[in-house]
């Protein structure tokens, strides 16, 4: 039986009278890459923020558990200590720190210096552009370079669960392909991921399972490869 890493049950999020998430159920098992796809404004980012407890003032109902433990009121730094990491929409790099310093921040819960140094070199190998600019301030990087950095920084903590929020947003087609190449590679290493993504085709091609979100509700779920060929998904998200 697959080990459950993340389980969301009956999640509702409301901002005043606006219901952004309407009682969804979602789960991610160990080693899976699960994607949550849907149009802009469907409630995908709100769902991720509910997991990490980073929502603004709003009403939240339902339950979110990580490794069998409820996440209600958990502090963000506690989540990182528990090896739950997130690459937020908009990257969220430390703009006034260098690339190297950003990577060190990703490893702040660790004290194995040799391992940290080895991991930094590993990600410099995956993203040579970061190594070339290691002393450069993160705020001066292009959007694609910041996305590379945000992913590498999140992976520095050796996450049990990695949350990715719209990693391809605003990037050139070449950079999008590079980012998804890394996502597939990280998944092949057995790292569990929940990917929120507007590029439904690439997300479904990379994922094991998928959920479709529309207007705050889950309308479809199942095997990602099968959903890639589902006429309803093709018509709504793949332009076919």
C-alpha atoms as a PDB file:
ATOM      1  CA  UNK A   1       0.000   0.000   0.000  1.00  0.00           C
ATOM      2  CA  UNK A   2       1.342   3.451  -0.947  1.00  0.00           C
ATOM      3  CA  UNK A   3       2.364   5.717   1.908  1.00  0.00           C
ATOM      4  CA  UNK A   4       0.249   8.855   2.061  1.00  0.00           C
ATOM      5  CA  UNK A   5       2.415  12.009   2.194  1.00  0.00           C
ATOM      6  CA  UNK A   6      -0.236  14.697   1.766  1.00  0.00           C
ATOM      7  CA  UNK A   7      -3.978  14.384   2.312  1.00  0.00           C
ATOM      8  CA  UNK A   8      -6.506  17.176   1.848  1.00  0.00           C
ATOM      9  CA  UNK A   9     -10.089  16.505   2.943  1.00  0.00           C
ATOM     10  CA  UNK A  10     -13.057  18.833   2.463  1.00  0.00           C
ATOM     11  CA  UNK A  11     -10.884  21.940   2.074  1.00  0.00           C
ATOM     12  CA  UNK A  12     -12.861  25.177   1.797  1.00  0.00           C
ATOM     13  CA  UNK A  13     -11.358  28.648   1.571  1.00  0.00           C
ATOM     14  CA  UNK A  14     -13.483  31.800   1.527  1.00  0.00           C
ATOM     15  CA  UNK A  15     -12.459  35.444   1.280  1.00  0.00           C
ATOM     16  CA  UNK A  16     -15.478  37.262   2.655  1.00  0.00           C
ATOM     17  CA  UNK A  17     -18.357  36.098   0.480  1.00  0.00           C
ATOM     18  CA  UNK A  18     -16.091  34.730  -2.248  1.00  0.00           C
ATOM     19  CA  UNK A  19     -15.599  30.963  -2.099  1.00  0.00           C
ATOM     20  CA  UNK A  20     -12.173  30.340  -3.669  1.00  0.00           C
ATOM     21  CA  UNK A  21     -11.982  26.616  -2.804  1.00  0.00           C
ATOM     22  CA  UNK A  22     -15.195  24.627  -2.403  1.00  0.00           C
ATOM     23  CA  UNK A  23     -14.606  21.460  -0.394  1.00  0.00           C
ATOM     24  CA  UNK A  24     -11.897  19.623  -2.320  1.00  0.00           C
ATOM     25  CA  UNK A  25     -10.258  16.260  -1.602  1.00  0.00           C
ATOM     26  CA  UNK A  26      -6.725  15.560  -2.854  1.00  0.00           C
ATOM     27  CA  UNK A  27      -3.899  13.231  -1.903  1.00  0.00           C
ATOM     28  CA  UNK A  28      -0.280  12.641  -2.858  1.00  0.00           C
ATOM     29  CA  UNK A  29       1.500   9.366  -2.105  1.00  0.00           C
ATOM     30  CA  UNK A  30       5.225   8.828  -1.605  1.00  0.00           C
ATOM     31  CA  UNK A  31       7.224   8.990  -4.815  1.00  0.00           C
ATOM     32  CA  UNK A  32       4.377  10.418  -6.863  1.00  0.00           C
ATOM     33  CA  UNK A  33       4.385  13.480  -9.066  1.00  0.00           C
ATOM     34  CA  UNK A  34       0.804  14.739  -8.892  1.00  0.00           C
ATOM     35  CA  UNK A  35      -0.317  17.757 -10.889  1.00  0.00           C
ATOM     36  CA  UNK A  36      -3.201  20.131 -10.250  1.00  0.00           C
ATOM     37  CA  UNK A  37      -4.224  21.824 -13.493  1.00  0.00           C
ATOM     38  CA  UNK A  38      -6.857  24.401 -14.300  1.00  0.00           C
ATOM     39  CA  UNK A  39      -7.435  27.871 -15.660  1.00  0.00           C
ATOM     40  CA  UNK A  40      -6.173  31.027 -13.984  1.00  0.00           C
ATOM     41  CA  UNK A  41      -8.344  31.794 -10.958  1.00  0.00           C
ATOM     42  CA  UNK A  42      -9.489  28.200 -10.453  1.00  0.00           C
ATOM     43  CA  UNK A  43      -8.157  28.119  -6.876  1.00  0.00           C
ATOM     44  CA  UNK A  44      -4.908  26.214  -7.446  1.00  0.00           C
ATOM     45  CA  UNK A  45      -2.535  28.669  -5.746  1.00  0.00           C
ATOM     46  CA  UNK A  46      -5.007  29.175  -2.896  1.00  0.00           C
ATOM     47  CA  UNK A  47      -4.903  25.402  -2.342  1.00  0.00           C
ATOM     48  CA  UNK A  48      -1.089  25.430  -2.081  1.00  0.00           C
ATOM     49  CA  UNK A  49      -1.184  28.387   0.289  1.00  0.00           C
ATOM     50  CA  UNK A  50      -3.701  26.527   2.446  1.00  0.00           C
ATOM     51  CA  UNK A  51      -1.225  23.638   2.686  1.00  0.00           C
ATOM     52  CA  UNK A  52       1.623  25.919   3.760  1.00  0.00           C
ATOM     53  CA  UNK A  53      -0.463  28.183   5.985  1.00  0.00           C
ATOM     54  CA  UNK A  54       0.470  31.302   4.011  1.00  0.00           C
ATOM     55  CA  UNK A  55      -3.029  32.526   3.146  1.00  0.00           C
ATOM     56  CA  UNK A  56      -4.091  36.079   4.007  1.00  0.00           C
ATOM     57  CA  UNK A  57      -6.978  36.541   6.430  1.00  0.00           C
ATOM     58  CA  UNK A  58      -9.779  34.256   5.271  1.00  0.00           C
ATOM     59  CA  UNK A  59     -12.019  31.433   6.450  1.00  0.00           C
ATOM     60  CA  UNK A  60     -10.513  27.956   6.054  1.00  0.00           C
ATOM     61  CA  UNK A  61     -12.408  24.721   6.708  1.00  0.00           C
ATOM     62  CA  UNK A  62     -11.505  21.067   6.247  1.00  0.00           C
ATOM     63  CA  UNK A  63      -8.246  19.295   6.999  1.00  0.00           C
ATOM     64  CA  UNK A  64      -4.732  19.132   5.566  1.00  0.00           C
ATOM     65  CA  UNK A  65      -2.337  16.473   6.848  1.00  0.00           C
ATOM     66  CA  UNK A  66       1.320  15.869   6.036  1.00  0.00           C
ATOM     67  CA  UNK A  67       2.890  12.516   6.927  1.00  0.00           C
ATOM     68  CA  UNK A  68      -0.246  11.758   8.927  1.00  0.00           C
ATOM     69  CA  UNK A  69      -0.040  14.923  11.048  1.00  0.00           C
ATOM     70  CA  UNK A  70      -2.446  17.882  10.760  1.00  0.00           C
ATOM     71  CA  UNK A  71      -0.893  21.075   9.407  1.00  0.00           C
ATOM     72  CA  UNK A  72      -3.389  23.470  10.978  1.00  0.00           C
ATOM     73  CA  UNK A  73      -1.564  26.518  12.397  1.00  0.00           C
ATOM     74  CA  UNK A  74       1.870  25.090  11.568  1.00  0.00           C
ATOM     75  CA  UNK A  75       4.567  27.764  11.210  1.00  0.00           C
ATOM     76  CA  UNK A  76       6.306  27.969   7.837  1.00  0.00           C
ATOM     77  CA  UNK A  77       9.768  27.362   9.311  1.00  0.00           C
ATOM     78  CA  UNK A  78       8.429  24.239  11.012  1.00  0.00           C
ATOM     79  CA  UNK A  79       7.273  22.941   7.645  1.00  0.00           C
ATOM     80  CA  UNK A  80      10.767  23.379   6.210  1.00  0.00           C
ATOM     81  CA  UNK A  81      12.231  21.600   9.237  1.00  0.00           C
ATOM     82  CA  UNK A  82       9.761  18.818   8.432  1.00  0.00           C
ATOM     83  CA  UNK A  83      11.119  18.732   4.838  1.00  0.00           C
ATOM     84  CA  UNK A  84       8.082  20.284   3.178  1.00  0.00           C
ATOM     85  CA  UNK A  85       9.359  22.852   0.684  1.00  0.00           C
ATOM     86  CA  UNK A  86       7.637  25.141  -1.796  1.00  0.00           C
ATOM     87  CA  UNK A  87       8.688  26.986  -4.925  1.00  0.00           C
ATOM     88  CA  UNK A  88       6.155  29.829  -4.903  1.00  0.00           C
ATOM     89  CA  UNK A  89       4.532  31.532  -7.860  1.00  0.00           C
ATOM     90  CA  UNK A  90       6.789  34.460  -8.745  1.00  0.00           C
ATOM     91  CA  UNK A  91       9.899  32.526  -7.528  1.00  0.00           C
ATOM     92  CA  UNK A  92      10.379  34.418  -4.230  1.00  0.00           C
ATOM     93  CA  UNK A  93      14.176  34.506  -4.348  1.00  0.00           C
ATOM     94  CA  UNK A  94      16.101  36.655  -1.873  1.00  0.00           C
ATOM     95  CA  UNK A  95      16.820  39.473  -4.303  1.00  0.00           C
ATOM     96  CA  UNK A  96      19.577  41.190  -2.298  1.00  0.00           C
ATOM     97  CA  UNK A  97      21.482  37.959  -1.703  1.00  0.00           C
ATOM     98  CA  UNK A  98      23.760  36.246  -4.185  1.00  0.00           C
ATOM     99  CA  UNK A  99      22.892  32.998  -5.919  1.00  0.00           C
ATOM    100  CA  UNK A 100      25.260  31.152  -3.591  1.00  0.00           C
ATOM    101  CA  UNK A 101      23.719  32.758  -0.497  1.00  0.00           C
ATOM    102  CA  UNK A 102      20.216  31.827  -1.701  1.00  0.00           C
ATOM    103  CA  UNK A 103      21.288  28.186  -1.998  1.00  0.00           C
ATOM    104  CA  UNK A 104      22.758  28.275   1.500  1.00  0.00           C
ATOM    105  CA  UNK A 105      19.444  29.643   2.792  1.00  0.00           C
ATOM    106  CA  UNK A 106      17.746  26.596   1.291  1.00  0.00           C
ATOM    107  CA  UNK A 107      19.953  24.424   3.490  1.00  0.00           C
ATOM    108  CA  UNK A 108      19.581  26.411   6.710  1.00  0.00           C
ATOM    109  CA  UNK A 109      17.983  23.451   8.541  1.00  0.00           C
ATOM    110  CA  UNK A 110      21.032  21.291   7.791  1.00  0.00           C
ATOM    111  CA  UNK A 111      24.443  21.184   9.493  1.00  0.00           C
ATOM    112  CA  UNK A 112      26.294  18.690   7.269  1.00  0.00           C
ATOM    113  CA  UNK A 113      28.639  21.176   5.587  1.00  0.00           C
ATOM    114  CA  UNK A 114      30.258  18.640   3.264  1.00  0.00           C
ATOM    115  CA  UNK A 115      26.830  17.490   2.088  1.00  0.00           C
ATOM    116  CA  UNK A 116      25.656  21.075   1.602  1.00  0.00           C
ATOM    117  CA  UNK A 117      28.733  21.884  -0.493  1.00  0.00           C
ATOM    118  CA  UNK A 118      28.186  18.734  -2.561  1.00  0.00           C
ATOM    119  CA  UNK A 119      24.531  19.610  -3.162  1.00  0.00           C
ATOM    120  CA  UNK A 120      25.410  23.146  -4.257  1.00  0.00           C
ATOM    121  CA  UNK A 121      27.846  21.716  -6.790  1.00  0.00           C
ATOM    122  CA  UNK A 122      25.187  19.221  -7.901  1.00  0.00           C
ATOM    123  CA  UNK A 123      22.692  21.999  -8.691  1.00  0.00           C
ATOM    124  CA  UNK A 124      25.413  24.076 -10.330  1.00  0.00           C
ATOM    125  CA  UNK A 125      25.954  21.096 -12.628  1.00  0.00           C
ATOM    126  CA  UNK A 126      22.220  20.887 -13.395  1.00  0.00           C
ATOM    127  CA  UNK A 127      22.001  24.672 -13.881  1.00  0.00           C
ATOM    128  CA  UNK A 128      25.410  25.793 -15.240  1.00  0.00           C
ATOM    129  CA  UNK A 129      24.073  29.314 -15.668  1.00  0.00           C
ATOM    130  CA  UNK A 130      23.784  29.624 -11.891  1.00  0.00           C
ATOM    131  CA  UNK A 131      27.400  28.595 -11.382  1.00  0.00           C
ATOM    132  CA  UNK A 132      28.586  31.182 -13.893  1.00  0.00           C
ATOM    133  CA  UNK A 133      26.740  33.854 -11.880  1.00  0.00           C
ATOM    134  CA  UNK A 134      27.131  32.444  -8.354  1.00  0.00           C
ATOM    135  CA  UNK A 135      28.226  35.792  -6.855  1.00  0.00           C
ATOM    136  CA  UNK A 136      25.530  37.795  -8.694  1.00  0.00           C
ATOM    137  CA  UNK A 137      22.584  39.229  -6.771  1.00  0.00           C
ATOM    138  CA  UNK A 138      19.481  37.110  -7.341  1.00  0.00           C
ATOM    139  CA  UNK A 139      17.383  40.201  -8.052  1.00  0.00           C
ATOM    140  CA  UNK A 140      19.411  40.923 -11.183  1.00  0.00           C
ATOM    141  CA  UNK A 141      18.726  37.514 -12.767  1.00  0.00           C
ATOM    142  CA  UNK A 142      16.268  36.869 -15.584  1.00  0.00           C
ATOM    143  CA  UNK A 143      12.940  35.213 -14.786  1.00  0.00           C
ATOM    144  CA  UNK A 144      14.203  31.854 -16.006  1.00  0.00           C
ATOM    145  CA  UNK A 145      17.377  32.078 -13.959  1.00  0.00           C
ATOM    146  CA  UNK A 146      15.354  33.007 -10.869  1.00  0.00           C
ATOM    147  CA  UNK A 147      13.132  29.968 -11.445  1.00  0.00           C
ATOM    148  CA  UNK A 148      16.203  27.720 -11.656  1.00  0.00           C
ATOM    149  CA  UNK A 149      17.480  29.245  -8.410  1.00  0.00           C
ATOM    150  CA  UNK A 150      14.134  28.907  -6.619  1.00  0.00           C
ATOM    151  CA  UNK A 151      13.953  25.210  -7.534  1.00  0.00           C
ATOM    152  CA  UNK A 152      17.543  24.512  -6.545  1.00  0.00           C
ATOM    153  CA  UNK A 153      17.098  26.385  -3.261  1.00  0.00           C
ATOM    154  CA  UNK A 154      13.976  24.358  -2.365  1.00  0.00           C
ATOM    155  CA  UNK A 155      15.755  21.092  -3.156  1.00  0.00           C
ATOM    156  CA  UNK A 156      18.681  21.974  -0.874  1.00  0.00           C
ATOM    157  CA  UNK A 157      16.634  20.852   2.161  1.00  0.00           C
ATOM    158  CA  UNK A 158      16.149  17.349   0.684  1.00  0.00           C
ATOM    159  CA  UNK A 159      12.350  17.718   0.786  1.00  0.00           C
ATOM    160  CA  UNK A 160      10.023  14.826   1.470  1.00  0.00           C
ATOM    161  CA  UNK A 161       7.362  16.843  -0.373  1.00  0.00           C
ATOM    162  CA  UNK A 162       8.059  19.590  -2.913  1.00  0.00           C
ATOM    163  CA  UNK A 163       5.268  21.979  -3.890  1.00  0.00           C
ATOM    164  CA  UNK A 164       5.705  23.776  -7.219  1.00  0.00           C
ATOM    165  CA  UNK A 165       3.433  26.722  -8.053  1.00  0.00           C
ATOM    166  CA  UNK A 166       3.337  27.643 -11.764  1.00  0.00           C
ATOM    167  CA  UNK A 167       7.060  27.021 -12.468  1.00  0.00           C
ATOM    168  CA  UNK A 168       6.683  27.745 -16.186  1.00  0.00           C
ATOM    169  CA  UNK A 169       4.839  31.052 -15.855  1.00  0.00           C
ATOM    170  CA  UNK A 170       6.334  33.866 -17.919  1.00  0.00           C
ATOM    171  CA  UNK A 171       9.285  31.840 -19.200  1.00  0.00           C
ATOM    172  CA  UNK A 172      10.537  31.369 -22.762  1.00  0.00           C
ATOM    173  CA  UNK A 173       9.707  28.021 -24.433  1.00  0.00           C
ATOM    174  CA  UNK A 174      13.355  26.903 -24.156  1.00  0.00           C
ATOM    175  CA  UNK A 175      13.443  27.734 -20.439  1.00  0.00           C
ATOM    176  CA  UNK A 176      10.097  26.000 -19.861  1.00  0.00           C
ATOM    177  CA  UNK A 177      11.491  22.816 -21.429  1.00  0.00           C
ATOM    178  CA  UNK A 178      14.582  23.019 -19.179  1.00  0.00           C
ATOM    179  CA  UNK A 179      12.463  23.474 -16.047  1.00  0.00           C
ATOM    180  CA  UNK A 180      10.282  20.478 -16.929  1.00  0.00           C
ATOM    181  CA  UNK A 181      13.366  18.414 -17.727  1.00  0.00           C
ATOM    182  CA  UNK A 182      14.513  19.058 -14.157  1.00  0.00           C
ATOM    183  CA  UNK A 183      11.032  18.324 -12.753  1.00  0.00           C
ATOM    184  CA  UNK A 184      11.018  14.945 -14.514  1.00  0.00           C
ATOM    185  CA  UNK A 185      14.562  14.217 -13.318  1.00  0.00           C
ATOM    186  CA  UNK A 186      13.742  15.114  -9.705  1.00  0.00           C
ATOM    187  CA  UNK A 187      10.642  12.903  -9.889  1.00  0.00           C
ATOM    188  CA  UNK A 188      12.730  10.009 -11.203  1.00  0.00           C
ATOM    189  CA  UNK A 189      14.864  10.311  -8.052  1.00  0.00           C
ATOM    190  CA  UNK A 190      11.768   9.485  -5.993  1.00  0.00           C
ATOM    191  CA  UNK A 191      11.073  12.961  -4.607  1.00  0.00           C
ATOM    192  CA  UNK A 192       7.337  13.428  -4.016  1.00  0.00           C
ATOM    193  CA  UNK A 193       5.872  16.490  -5.744  1.00  0.00           C
ATOM    194  CA  UNK A 194       2.630  18.395  -6.108  1.00  0.00           C
ATOM    195  CA  UNK A 195       2.785  20.552  -9.226  1.00  0.00           C
ATOM    196  CA  UNK A 196       0.348  23.391  -9.904  1.00  0.00           C
ATOM    197  CA  UNK A 197       0.631  24.357 -13.557  1.00  0.00           C
ATOM    198  CA  UNK A 198      -1.272  26.153 -16.316  1.00  0.00           C
ATOM    199  CA  UNK A 199       0.686  24.355 -19.049  1.00  0.00           C
ATOM    200  CA  UNK A 200      -1.574  21.315 -18.893  1.00  0.00           C
ATOM    201  CA  UNK A 201       0.177  19.362 -21.638  1.00  0.00           C
ATOM    202  CA  UNK A 202       3.642  19.444 -20.058  1.00  0.00           C
ATOM    203  CA  UNK A 203       2.221  18.858 -16.587  1.00  0.00           C
ATOM    204  CA  UNK A 204       0.243  15.796 -17.668  1.00  0.00           C
ATOM    205  CA  UNK A 205       3.193  14.418 -19.630  1.00  0.00           C
ATOM    206  CA  UNK A 206       5.398  14.647 -16.507  1.00  0.00           C
ATOM    207  CA  UNK A 207       2.924  13.543 -13.822  1.00  0.00           C
ATOM    208  CA  UNK A 208       1.745  10.171 -12.549  1.00  0.00           C
ATOM    209  CA  UNK A 209      -1.706  11.395 -11.497  1.00  0.00           C
ATOM    210  CA  UNK A 210      -3.667  14.575 -12.069  1.00  0.00           C
ATOM    211  CA  UNK A 211      -6.543  16.629 -10.709  1.00  0.00           C
ATOM    212  CA  UNK A 212      -8.493  19.196 -12.731  1.00  0.00           C
ATOM    213  CA  UNK A 213      -9.733  22.236 -10.799  1.00  0.00           C
ATOM    214  CA  UNK A 214     -12.494  24.530 -12.035  1.00  0.00           C
ATOM    215  CA  UNK A 215     -13.983  27.429 -10.062  1.00  0.00           C
ATOM    216  CA  UNK A 216     -12.738  26.085  -6.734  1.00  0.00           C
ATOM    217  CA  UNK A 217     -13.849  22.477  -7.244  1.00  0.00           C
ATOM    218  CA  UNK A 218     -12.112  19.291  -8.389  1.00  0.00           C
ATOM    219  CA  UNK A 219     -13.978  18.209 -11.526  1.00  0.00           C
ATOM    220  CA  UNK A 220     -11.754  15.319 -12.696  1.00  0.00           C
ATOM    221  CA  UNK A 221      -8.957  13.156 -11.351  1.00  0.00           C
ATOM    222  CA  UNK A 222      -7.058  10.111 -12.488  1.00  0.00           C
ATOM    223  CA  UNK A 223      -4.056   8.749 -14.340  1.00  0.00           C
ATOM    224  CA  UNK A 224      -2.207  11.656 -15.975  1.00  0.00           C
ATOM    225  CA  UNK A 225      -1.377   9.817 -19.209  1.00  0.00           C
ATOM    226  CA  UNK A 226      -5.012   8.822 -19.657  1.00  0.00           C
ATOM    227  CA  UNK A 227      -6.221  12.347 -18.946  1.00  0.00           C
ATOM    228  CA  UNK A 228      -3.834  13.646 -21.602  1.00  0.00           C
ATOM    229  CA  UNK A 229      -5.980  11.803 -24.147  1.00  0.00           C
ATOM    230  CA  UNK A 230      -9.357  12.571 -22.561  1.00  0.00           C
ATOM    231  CA  UNK A 231     -11.484  14.602 -25.029  1.00  0.00           C
ATOM    232  CA  UNK A 232     -12.804  16.829 -22.221  1.00  0.00           C
ATOM    233  CA  UNK A 233      -9.289  17.738 -21.078  1.00  0.00           C
ATOM    234  CA  UNK A 234      -8.124  18.186 -24.653  1.00  0.00           C
ATOM    235  CA  UNK A 235     -11.000  20.537 -25.448  1.00  0.00           C
ATOM    236  CA  UNK A 236     -10.672  22.604 -22.271  1.00  0.00           C
ATOM    237  CA  UNK A 237      -6.907  22.770 -21.715  1.00  0.00           C
ATOM    238  CA  UNK A 238      -4.975  21.429 -24.680  1.00  0.00           C
ATOM    239  CA  UNK A 239      -6.604  23.363 -27.492  1.00  0.00           C
ATOM    240  CA  UNK A 240      -7.603  20.228 -29.370  1.00  0.00           C
END
